[in-house]
Amino acid sequence: MKTRRRHGRIYDELPHEVRAAVNRLLLEPQVTYDDIRAYLEERGHDISRSAIGRYGQEFMANYQRLRIIEDKSKALVSDAGEGLVLEEAASKIFAQMIIEAQLAGDLDITELPRIISDFAKLQTASVNRERLKKDLAEQARKDERKRLRKELDKLRETTGGGALDAATIKSIREQLKL
């Protein structure tokens, strides 16, 4: 099977800063390929209008796919809420992006193990964050119980340690907000 060259002269020859400027220009509706060609010539790069057009088509197609994914992400985030539900939504979006990139031929298969490893680290960090939140909430409940016990001990001391009557119990409940 013959492999298709994935990059043109813009991607291969232009410095990152110039390519980033070309990307910004492509997003401007009033800028034409001829304008971009003139911009590149001013910086000493002789790239044809057709090469810019091919790059522009691919760039805009990728840009549109990312916009769609971004819109889906916003919708999922607004519906998902917090915590692991949100992480699950992000995981689904990330997996979809990997699959779409693979299908479009934009993903270098040799990078896939690293991407999967990074994704697993992200998932682990998410689970650890949720575990920490749960642990902190539990610690806060323990601290509150300790505070209530101290308040109860103070009340017992003020009553002389004897039996508490109904009025005292009511007072305790009010002070401890039980």
N, C-alpha and C. Protein backbone atom coordinates (compact mmCIF):
# COMPACT_ATOMS: atom_id res chain seq x y z
N MET A 1 0.85 -1.18 0.00
CA MET A 1 0.00 0.00 0.00
C MET A 1 0.89 1.24 0.00
N LYS A 2 0.56 2.17 -0.84
CA LYS A 2 1.32 3.40 -0.95
C LYS A 2 0.89 4.38 0.14
N THR A 3 1.84 4.95 0.84
CA THR A 3 1.49 5.91 1.88
C THR A 3 1.50 7.31 1.31
N ARG A 4 0.56 8.08 1.77
CA ARG A 4 0.42 9.44 1.32
C ARG A 4 1.25 10.37 2.20
N ARG A 5 1.88 11.33 1.60
CA ARG A 5 2.65 12.30 2.38
C ARG A 5 1.68 13.15 3.18
N ARG A 6 1.89 13.26 4.46
CA ARG A 6 0.95 13.93 5.34
C ARG A 6 1.19 15.42 5.46
N HIS A 7 2.36 15.91 5.09
CA HIS A 7 2.66 17.31 5.31
C HIS A 7 3.12 17.96 4.01
N GLY A 8 2.79 19.22 3.89
CA GLY A 8 3.25 19.99 2.75
C GLY A 8 4.37 20.92 3.18
N ARG A 9 4.71 21.81 2.30
CA ARG A 9 5.83 22.70 2.56
C ARG A 9 5.58 23.63 3.75
N ILE A 10 4.34 24.03 3.94
CA ILE A 10 4.04 24.93 5.06
C ILE A 10 4.40 24.24 6.37
N TYR A 11 3.98 23.01 6.50
CA TYR A 11 4.26 22.29 7.75
C TYR A 11 5.74 21.92 7.86
N ASP A 12 6.33 21.52 6.76
CA ASP A 12 7.71 21.02 6.78
C ASP A 12 8.76 22.13 6.86
N GLU A 13 8.52 23.25 6.18
CA GLU A 13 9.58 24.25 6.02
C GLU A 13 9.44 25.49 6.89
N LEU A 14 8.23 25.85 7.26
CA LEU A 14 8.05 27.10 8.01
C LEU A 14 8.36 26.92 9.49
N PRO A 15 9.01 27.92 10.08
CA PRO A 15 9.21 27.89 11.54
C PRO A 15 7.84 27.90 12.24
N HIS A 16 7.83 27.39 13.44
CA HIS A 16 6.58 27.27 14.20
C HIS A 16 5.86 28.62 14.32
N GLU A 17 6.58 29.69 14.58
CA GLU A 17 5.95 31.01 14.78
C GLU A 17 5.26 31.47 13.50
N VAL A 18 5.91 31.25 12.35
CA VAL A 18 5.33 31.67 11.08
C VAL A 18 4.11 30.81 10.75
N ARG A 19 4.21 29.52 11.01
CA ARG A 19 3.07 28.63 10.76
C ARG A 19 1.90 29.00 11.67
N ALA A 20 2.19 29.37 12.91
CA ALA A 20 1.12 29.80 13.83
C ALA A 20 0.46 31.07 13.30
N ALA A 21 1.25 31.98 12.73
CA ALA A 21 0.69 33.21 12.15
C ALA A 21 -0.19 32.87 10.94
N VAL A 22 0.25 31.91 10.12
CA VAL A 22 -0.55 31.48 8.97
C VAL A 22 -1.87 30.89 9.48
N ASN A 23 -1.82 30.11 10.53
CA ASN A 23 -3.04 29.53 11.10
C ASN A 23 -4.00 30.63 11.54
N ARG A 24 -3.47 31.66 12.20
CA ARG A 24 -4.32 32.77 12.62
C ARG A 24 -4.92 33.48 11.42
N LEU A 25 -4.10 33.67 10.37
CA LEU A 25 -4.60 34.34 9.16
C LEU A 25 -5.69 33.51 8.49
N LEU A 26 -5.55 32.21 8.50
CA LEU A 26 -6.57 31.34 7.89
C LEU A 26 -7.92 31.48 8.59
N LEU A 27 -7.90 31.82 9.85
CA LEU A 27 -9.14 31.98 10.61
C LEU A 27 -9.80 33.34 10.39
N GLU A 28 -9.08 34.25 9.78
CA GLU A 28 -9.63 35.58 9.49
C GLU A 28 -10.45 35.49 8.20
N PRO A 29 -11.73 35.83 8.24
CA PRO A 29 -12.57 35.66 7.05
C PRO A 29 -12.19 36.55 5.86
N GLN A 30 -11.61 37.71 6.11
CA GLN A 30 -11.28 38.63 5.03
C GLN A 30 -9.93 38.35 4.38
N VAL A 31 -9.14 37.45 4.97
CA VAL A 31 -7.80 37.17 4.46
C VAL A 31 -7.88 36.06 3.41
N THR A 32 -7.26 36.30 2.25
CA THR A 32 -7.27 35.32 1.16
C THR A 32 -5.95 34.56 1.14
N TYR A 33 -5.90 33.50 0.32
CA TYR A 33 -4.66 32.75 0.16
C TYR A 33 -3.59 33.63 -0.46
N ASP A 34 -3.99 34.54 -1.34
CA ASP A 34 -3.02 35.48 -1.93
C ASP A 34 -2.43 36.39 -0.86
N ASP A 35 -3.26 36.82 0.10
CA ASP A 35 -2.76 37.65 1.21
C ASP A 35 -1.73 36.86 2.03
N ILE A 36 -2.02 35.60 2.27
CA ILE A 36 -1.10 34.76 3.05
C ILE A 36 0.19 34.54 2.27
N ARG A 37 0.06 34.34 0.96
CA ARG A 37 1.26 34.17 0.12
C ARG A 37 2.13 35.42 0.20
N ALA A 38 1.51 36.60 0.12
CA ALA A 38 2.25 37.86 0.22
C ALA A 38 2.92 37.98 1.59
N TYR A 39 2.21 37.61 2.63
CA TYR A 39 2.75 37.64 3.99
C TYR A 39 3.99 36.76 4.09
N LEU A 40 3.91 35.56 3.50
CA LEU A 40 5.05 34.63 3.55
C LEU A 40 6.21 35.15 2.71
N GLU A 41 5.92 35.74 1.55
CA GLU A 41 7.00 36.28 0.71
C GLU A 41 7.74 37.40 1.43
N GLU A 42 7.01 38.24 2.18
CA GLU A 42 7.63 39.33 2.96
C GLU A 42 8.63 38.76 3.97
N ARG A 43 8.40 37.55 4.41
CA ARG A 43 9.28 36.91 5.40
C ARG A 43 10.28 35.95 4.75
N GLY A 44 10.36 36.00 3.42
CA GLY A 44 11.37 35.23 2.72
C GLY A 44 11.00 33.78 2.42
N HIS A 45 9.72 33.45 2.44
CA HIS A 45 9.27 32.08 2.18
C HIS A 45 8.47 32.07 0.89
N ASP A 46 8.96 31.32 -0.11
CA ASP A 46 8.29 31.23 -1.40
C ASP A 46 7.42 29.97 -1.43
N ILE A 47 6.15 30.14 -1.07
CA ILE A 47 5.22 29.02 -1.02
C ILE A 47 4.06 29.36 -1.97
N SER A 48 3.69 28.41 -2.80
CA SER A 48 2.66 28.65 -3.80
C SER A 48 1.27 28.80 -3.19
N ARG A 49 0.41 29.46 -3.93
CA ARG A 49 -0.97 29.65 -3.51
C ARG A 49 -1.66 28.28 -3.36
N SER A 50 -1.37 27.34 -4.25
CA SER A 50 -2.00 26.02 -4.17
C SER A 50 -1.54 25.25 -2.93
N ALA A 51 -0.27 25.40 -2.55
CA ALA A 51 0.22 24.75 -1.32
C ALA A 51 -0.47 25.35 -0.10
N ILE A 52 -0.66 26.67 -0.14
CA ILE A 52 -1.38 27.34 0.96
C ILE A 52 -2.83 26.85 0.98
N GLY A 53 -3.42 26.69 -0.19
CA GLY A 53 -4.80 26.21 -0.27
C GLY A 53 -4.95 24.81 0.28
N ARG A 54 -4.03 23.92 -0.07
CA ARG A 54 -4.10 22.54 0.45
C ARG A 54 -3.95 22.54 1.98
N TYR A 55 -2.97 23.31 2.46
CA TYR A 55 -2.76 23.40 3.90
C TYR A 55 -4.00 24.01 4.57
N GLY A 56 -4.54 25.06 3.95
CA GLY A 56 -5.71 25.74 4.50
C GLY A 56 -6.92 24.82 4.59
N GLN A 57 -7.13 24.00 3.56
CA GLN A 57 -8.26 23.07 3.59
C GLN A 57 -8.12 22.08 4.75
N GLU A 58 -6.94 21.51 4.89
CA GLU A 58 -6.71 20.55 5.96
C GLU A 58 -6.82 21.22 7.33
N PHE A 59 -6.24 22.41 7.44
CA PHE A 59 -6.29 23.15 8.70
C PHE A 59 -7.73 23.45 9.09
N MET A 60 -8.53 23.95 8.13
CA MET A 60 -9.92 24.31 8.43
C MET A 60 -10.76 23.08 8.77
N ALA A 61 -10.49 21.96 8.10
CA ALA A 61 -11.22 20.73 8.42
C ALA A 61 -10.91 20.29 9.85
N ASN A 62 -9.65 20.34 10.23
CA ASN A 62 -9.26 19.99 11.61
C ASN A 62 -9.86 20.99 12.60
N TYR A 63 -9.84 22.25 12.23
CA TYR A 63 -10.39 23.31 13.09
C TYR A 63 -11.89 23.06 13.33
N GLN A 64 -12.61 22.72 12.27
CA GLN A 64 -14.05 22.46 12.40
C GLN A 64 -14.31 21.24 13.29
N ARG A 65 -13.50 20.19 13.12
CA ARG A 65 -13.66 19.01 13.97
C ARG A 65 -13.43 19.36 15.44
N LEU A 66 -12.41 20.17 15.70
CA LEU A 66 -12.13 20.58 17.07
C LEU A 66 -13.25 21.44 17.64
N ARG A 67 -13.83 22.30 16.82
CA ARG A 67 -14.96 23.13 17.27
C ARG A 67 -16.15 22.25 17.65
N ILE A 68 -16.42 21.23 16.85
CA ILE A 68 -17.52 20.32 17.15
C ILE A 68 -17.25 19.59 18.46
N ILE A 69 -16.02 19.11 18.64
CA ILE A 69 -15.66 18.43 19.88
C ILE A 69 -15.76 19.39 21.06
N GLU A 70 -15.34 20.63 20.86
CA GLU A 70 -15.43 21.63 21.94
C GLU A 70 -16.89 21.87 22.31
N ASP A 71 -17.76 21.99 21.32
CA ASP A 71 -19.18 22.19 21.60
C ASP A 71 -19.77 20.99 22.36
N LYS A 72 -19.39 19.79 21.94
CA LYS A 72 -19.84 18.59 22.63
C LYS A 72 -19.34 18.59 24.07
N SER A 73 -18.08 19.00 24.25
CA SER A 73 -17.49 19.04 25.58
C SER A 73 -18.27 19.98 26.49
N LYS A 74 -18.57 21.16 25.98
CA LYS A 74 -19.31 22.14 26.78
C LYS A 74 -20.68 21.59 27.16
N ALA A 75 -21.34 20.93 26.22
CA ALA A 75 -22.64 20.36 26.52
C ALA A 75 -22.54 19.27 27.58
N LEU A 76 -21.54 18.40 27.44
CA LEU A 76 -21.36 17.34 28.42
C LEU A 76 -21.00 17.89 29.79
N VAL A 77 -20.14 18.89 29.82
CA VAL A 77 -19.72 19.46 31.10
C VAL A 77 -20.90 20.12 31.80
N SER A 78 -21.74 20.84 31.05
CA SER A 78 -22.88 21.50 31.68
C SER A 78 -23.88 20.47 32.20
N ASP A 79 -23.98 19.32 31.54
CA ASP A 79 -24.89 18.27 31.99
C ASP A 79 -24.28 17.38 33.07
N ALA A 80 -22.97 17.24 33.03
CA ALA A 80 -22.31 16.25 33.88
C ALA A 80 -22.22 16.65 35.34
N GLY A 81 -21.97 17.91 35.61
CA GLY A 81 -21.80 18.31 36.99
C GLY A 81 -20.36 18.14 37.43
N GLU A 82 -20.18 17.65 38.65
CA GLU A 82 -18.84 17.60 39.22
C GLU A 82 -18.33 16.18 39.37
N GLY A 83 -17.08 16.13 39.82
CA GLY A 83 -16.50 14.87 40.25
C GLY A 83 -16.26 13.89 39.13
N LEU A 84 -16.43 12.63 39.49
CA LEU A 84 -16.11 11.55 38.55
C LEU A 84 -17.03 11.55 37.33
N VAL A 85 -18.22 12.09 37.46
CA VAL A 85 -19.12 12.17 36.30
C VAL A 85 -18.49 13.07 35.24
N LEU A 86 -17.94 14.19 35.67
CA LEU A 86 -17.27 15.11 34.75
C LEU A 86 -16.04 14.45 34.16
N GLU A 87 -15.29 13.72 34.97
CA GLU A 87 -14.10 13.03 34.47
C GLU A 87 -14.49 11.98 33.44
N GLU A 88 -15.60 11.31 33.66
CA GLU A 88 -16.06 10.31 32.70
C GLU A 88 -16.40 10.97 31.37
N ALA A 89 -17.05 12.13 31.44
CA ALA A 89 -17.38 12.86 30.21
C ALA A 89 -16.11 13.27 29.47
N ALA A 90 -15.12 13.76 30.21
CA ALA A 90 -13.85 14.15 29.59
C ALA A 90 -13.15 12.94 28.97
N SER A 91 -13.23 11.81 29.64
CA SER A 91 -12.63 10.58 29.12
C SER A 91 -13.26 10.17 27.80
N LYS A 92 -14.58 10.27 27.74
CA LYS A 92 -15.28 9.90 26.50
C LYS A 92 -14.89 10.83 25.36
N ILE A 93 -14.79 12.12 25.65
CA ILE A 93 -14.40 13.08 24.62
C ILE A 93 -12.98 12.80 24.14
N PHE A 94 -12.08 12.54 25.08
CA PHE A 94 -10.69 12.26 24.72
C PHE A 94 -10.60 11.01 23.86
N ALA A 95 -11.32 9.98 24.24
CA ALA A 95 -11.31 8.74 23.46
C ALA A 95 -11.87 8.99 22.06
N GLN A 96 -12.92 9.78 21.97
CA GLN A 96 -13.49 10.11 20.66
C GLN A 96 -12.48 10.86 19.80
N MET A 97 -11.76 11.79 20.41
CA MET A 97 -10.75 12.56 19.67
C MET A 97 -9.65 11.64 19.14
N ILE A 98 -9.23 10.66 19.94
CA ILE A 98 -8.19 9.73 19.50
C ILE A 98 -8.69 8.90 18.32
N ILE A 99 -9.91 8.41 18.43
CA ILE A 99 -10.48 7.60 17.35
C ILE A 99 -10.63 8.43 16.07
N GLU A 100 -11.13 9.67 16.21
CA GLU A 100 -11.29 10.51 15.02
C GLU A 100 -9.94 10.83 14.38
N ALA A 101 -8.95 11.10 15.20
CA ALA A 101 -7.61 11.39 14.66
C ALA A 101 -7.04 10.16 13.96
N GLN A 102 -7.27 8.99 14.55
CA GLN A 102 -6.79 7.75 13.94
C GLN A 102 -7.47 7.50 12.60
N LEU A 103 -8.78 7.68 12.56
CA LEU A 103 -9.53 7.46 11.32
C LEU A 103 -9.15 8.46 10.23
N ALA A 104 -8.85 9.69 10.64
CA ALA A 104 -8.49 10.72 9.67
C ALA A 104 -7.04 10.60 9.22
N GLY A 105 -6.28 9.72 9.88
CA GLY A 105 -4.88 9.55 9.53
C GLY A 105 -3.98 10.62 10.13
N ASP A 106 -4.51 11.37 11.10
CA ASP A 106 -3.74 12.44 11.72
C ASP A 106 -2.94 11.98 12.94
N LEU A 107 -3.10 10.72 13.31
CA LEU A 107 -2.45 10.21 14.51
C LEU A 107 -1.32 9.28 14.11
N ASP A 108 -0.14 9.60 14.61
CA ASP A 108 1.01 8.74 14.37
C ASP A 108 0.89 7.54 15.30
N ILE A 109 0.78 6.36 14.73
CA ILE A 109 0.55 5.14 15.51
C ILE A 109 1.66 4.90 16.53
N THR A 110 2.85 5.40 16.25
CA THR A 110 3.95 5.22 17.21
C THR A 110 3.74 6.07 18.46
N GLU A 111 2.88 7.10 18.37
CA GLU A 111 2.60 7.95 19.52
C GLU A 111 1.49 7.38 20.40
N LEU A 112 0.75 6.40 19.89
CA LEU A 112 -0.41 5.87 20.60
C LEU A 112 -0.08 5.34 22.00
N PRO A 113 0.99 4.56 22.19
CA PRO A 113 1.29 4.09 23.56
C PRO A 113 1.52 5.24 24.55
N ARG A 114 2.20 6.29 24.09
CA ARG A 114 2.43 7.44 24.98
C ARG A 114 1.12 8.14 25.30
N ILE A 115 0.25 8.29 24.31
CA ILE A 115 -1.04 8.95 24.52
C ILE A 115 -1.87 8.15 25.50
N ILE A 116 -1.91 6.84 25.33
CA ILE A 116 -2.68 5.99 26.23
C ILE A 116 -2.11 6.05 27.64
N SER A 117 -0.79 6.06 27.75
CA SER A 117 -0.15 6.15 29.06
C SER A 117 -0.49 7.48 29.74
N ASP A 118 -0.41 8.57 28.98
CA ASP A 118 -0.76 9.89 29.54
C ASP A 118 -2.22 9.93 29.96
N PHE A 119 -3.08 9.31 29.16
CA PHE A 119 -4.50 9.26 29.49
C PHE A 119 -4.72 8.48 30.79
N ALA A 120 -4.01 7.37 30.94
CA ALA A 120 -4.14 6.57 32.17
C ALA A 120 -3.68 7.38 33.38
N LYS A 121 -2.61 8.15 33.21
CA LYS A 121 -2.13 9.00 34.32
C LYS A 121 -3.18 10.04 34.68
N LEU A 122 -3.84 10.60 33.67
CA LEU A 122 -4.90 11.58 33.90
C LEU A 122 -6.04 10.94 34.69
N GLN A 123 -6.42 9.73 34.31
CA GLN A 123 -7.49 9.02 35.00
C GLN A 123 -7.09 8.74 36.45
N THR A 124 -5.86 8.32 36.66
CA THR A 124 -5.38 8.04 38.02
C THR A 124 -5.42 9.30 38.87
N ALA A 125 -4.99 10.40 38.29
CA ALA A 125 -5.02 11.68 39.01
C ALA A 125 -6.45 12.07 39.38
N SER A 126 -7.38 11.81 38.48
CA SER A 126 -8.78 12.12 38.75
C SER A 126 -9.32 11.29 39.89
N VAL A 127 -9.03 10.01 39.88
CA VAL A 127 -9.49 9.12 40.95
C VAL A 127 -8.86 9.55 42.27
N ASN A 128 -7.57 9.87 42.26
CA ASN A 128 -6.89 10.31 43.49
C ASN A 128 -7.49 11.61 44.02
N ARG A 129 -7.86 12.51 43.12
CA ARG A 129 -8.47 13.78 43.55
C ARG A 129 -9.81 13.51 44.22
N GLU A 130 -10.61 12.63 43.63
CA GLU A 130 -11.90 12.29 44.22
C GLU A 130 -11.72 11.61 45.57
N ARG A 131 -10.72 10.74 45.68
CA ARG A 131 -10.43 10.07 46.94
C ARG A 131 -10.03 11.10 48.01
N LEU A 132 -9.21 12.07 47.62
CA LEU A 132 -8.79 13.12 48.55
C LEU A 132 -9.99 13.94 49.02
N LYS A 133 -10.89 14.27 48.09
CA LYS A 133 -12.09 15.01 48.47
C LYS A 133 -12.91 14.23 49.49
N LYS A 134 -13.05 12.93 49.24
CA LYS A 134 -13.82 12.08 50.15
C LYS A 134 -13.14 12.02 51.51
N ASP A 135 -11.81 11.86 51.53
CA ASP A 135 -11.07 11.80 52.78
C ASP A 135 -11.18 13.10 53.56
N LEU A 136 -11.11 14.23 52.85
CA LEU A 136 -11.23 15.52 53.52
C LEU A 136 -12.62 15.72 54.10
N ALA A 137 -13.65 15.28 53.38
CA ALA A 137 -15.02 15.38 53.89
C ALA A 137 -15.18 14.52 55.13
N GLU A 138 -14.61 13.32 55.11
CA GLU A 138 -14.68 12.42 56.27
C GLU A 138 -13.95 13.03 57.47
N GLN A 139 -12.79 13.63 57.21
CA GLN A 139 -12.04 14.27 58.29
C GLN A 139 -12.83 15.44 58.87
N ALA A 140 -13.51 16.18 58.02
CA ALA A 140 -14.33 17.30 58.50
C ALA A 140 -15.47 16.78 59.38
N ARG A 141 -16.08 15.65 59.01
CA ARG A 141 -17.14 15.07 59.84
C ARG A 141 -16.58 14.61 61.19
N LYS A 142 -15.38 14.00 61.17
CA LYS A 142 -14.75 13.57 62.43
C LYS A 142 -14.46 14.77 63.32
N ASP A 143 -13.93 15.83 62.72
CA ASP A 143 -13.62 17.05 63.49
C ASP A 143 -14.89 17.65 64.09
N GLU A 144 -15.98 17.62 63.33
CA GLU A 144 -17.25 18.14 63.83
C GLU A 144 -17.76 17.29 64.99
N ARG A 145 -17.64 15.97 64.89
CA ARG A 145 -18.05 15.10 65.99
C ARG A 145 -17.22 15.38 67.24
N LYS A 146 -15.91 15.60 67.05
CA LYS A 146 -15.04 15.92 68.18
C LYS A 146 -15.49 17.22 68.86
N ARG A 147 -15.80 18.20 68.02
CA ARG A 147 -16.25 19.48 68.56
C ARG A 147 -17.55 19.30 69.35
N LEU A 148 -18.46 18.49 68.83
CA LEU A 148 -19.72 18.26 69.53
C LEU A 148 -19.51 17.55 70.85
N ARG A 149 -18.56 16.60 70.86
CA ARG A 149 -18.27 15.91 72.13
C ARG A 149 -17.72 16.89 73.16
N LYS A 150 -16.83 17.78 72.72
CA LYS A 150 -16.27 18.77 73.65
C LYS A 150 -17.37 19.67 74.19
N GLU A 151 -18.29 20.07 73.33
CA GLU A 151 -19.41 20.91 73.77
C GLU A 151 -20.27 20.17 74.79
N LEU A 152 -20.50 18.89 74.51
CA LEU A 152 -21.31 18.09 75.43
C LEU A 152 -20.60 17.95 76.77
N ASP A 153 -19.27 17.72 76.74
CA ASP A 153 -18.50 17.62 77.99
C ASP A 153 -18.58 18.93 78.77
N LYS A 154 -18.49 20.07 78.07
CA LYS A 154 -18.61 21.36 78.75
C LYS A 154 -19.97 21.50 79.42
N LEU A 155 -21.00 21.05 78.74
CA LEU A 155 -22.35 21.14 79.31
C LEU A 155 -22.49 20.22 80.52
N ARG A 156 -21.88 19.05 80.45
CA ARG A 156 -21.94 18.14 81.59
C ARG A 156 -21.26 18.76 82.80
N GLU A 157 -20.12 19.43 82.54
CA GLU A 157 -19.41 20.08 83.65
C GLU A 157 -20.26 21.17 84.28
N THR A 158 -20.99 21.91 83.46
CA THR A 158 -21.81 22.99 84.00
C THR A 158 -23.01 22.46 84.77
N THR A 159 -23.43 21.22 84.50
CA THR A 159 -24.56 20.63 85.23
C THR A 159 -24.07 19.77 86.39
N GLY A 160 -22.77 19.75 86.62
CA GLY A 160 -22.22 18.99 87.73
C GLY A 160 -22.10 17.50 87.45
N GLY A 161 -22.25 17.05 86.21
CA GLY A 161 -22.08 15.66 85.85
C GLY A 161 -23.27 14.80 86.17
N GLY A 162 -24.32 15.39 86.75
CA GLY A 162 -25.50 14.60 87.11
C GLY A 162 -26.41 14.39 85.91
N ALA A 163 -27.55 13.82 86.21
CA ALA A 163 -28.53 13.56 85.15
C ALA A 163 -29.02 14.88 84.59
N LEU A 164 -29.32 14.88 83.32
CA LEU A 164 -29.79 16.08 82.64
C LEU A 164 -31.30 16.04 82.55
N ASP A 165 -31.92 17.16 82.89
CA ASP A 165 -33.37 17.21 82.75
C ASP A 165 -33.75 17.59 81.33
N ALA A 166 -35.03 17.60 81.00
CA ALA A 166 -35.52 17.85 79.63
C ALA A 166 -35.10 19.22 79.14
N ALA A 167 -35.13 20.20 80.00
CA ALA A 167 -34.76 21.56 79.60
C ALA A 167 -33.28 21.62 79.21
N THR A 168 -32.45 20.92 79.96
CA THR A 168 -31.02 20.90 79.67
C THR A 168 -30.75 20.20 78.34
N ILE A 169 -31.44 19.08 78.12
CA ILE A 169 -31.28 18.35 76.86
C ILE A 169 -31.69 19.23 75.69
N LYS A 170 -32.78 19.96 75.86
CA LYS A 170 -33.23 20.86 74.80
C LYS A 170 -32.19 21.92 74.54
N SER A 171 -31.60 22.43 75.60
CA SER A 171 -30.55 23.45 75.48
C SER A 171 -29.34 22.89 74.74
N ILE A 172 -28.98 21.65 75.08
CA ILE A 172 -27.84 21.01 74.42
C ILE A 172 -28.10 20.89 72.92
N ARG A 173 -29.29 20.40 72.60
CA ARG A 173 -29.62 20.23 71.17
C ARG A 173 -29.57 21.55 70.44
N GLU A 174 -30.02 22.59 71.06
CA GLU A 174 -30.01 23.91 70.42
C GLU A 174 -28.57 24.39 70.21
N GLN A 175 -27.74 24.23 71.23
CA GLN A 175 -26.35 24.67 71.13
C GLN A 175 -25.56 23.87 70.10
N LEU A 176 -25.84 22.57 70.02
CA LEU A 176 -25.12 21.72 69.08
C LEU A 176 -25.79 21.64 67.72
N LYS A 177 -26.91 22.29 67.60
CA LYS A 177 -27.66 22.31 66.33
C LYS A 177 -27.97 20.90 65.85
N LEU A 178 -28.49 20.10 66.79
CA LEU A 178 -28.85 18.71 66.44
C LEU A 178 -30.33 18.61 66.16
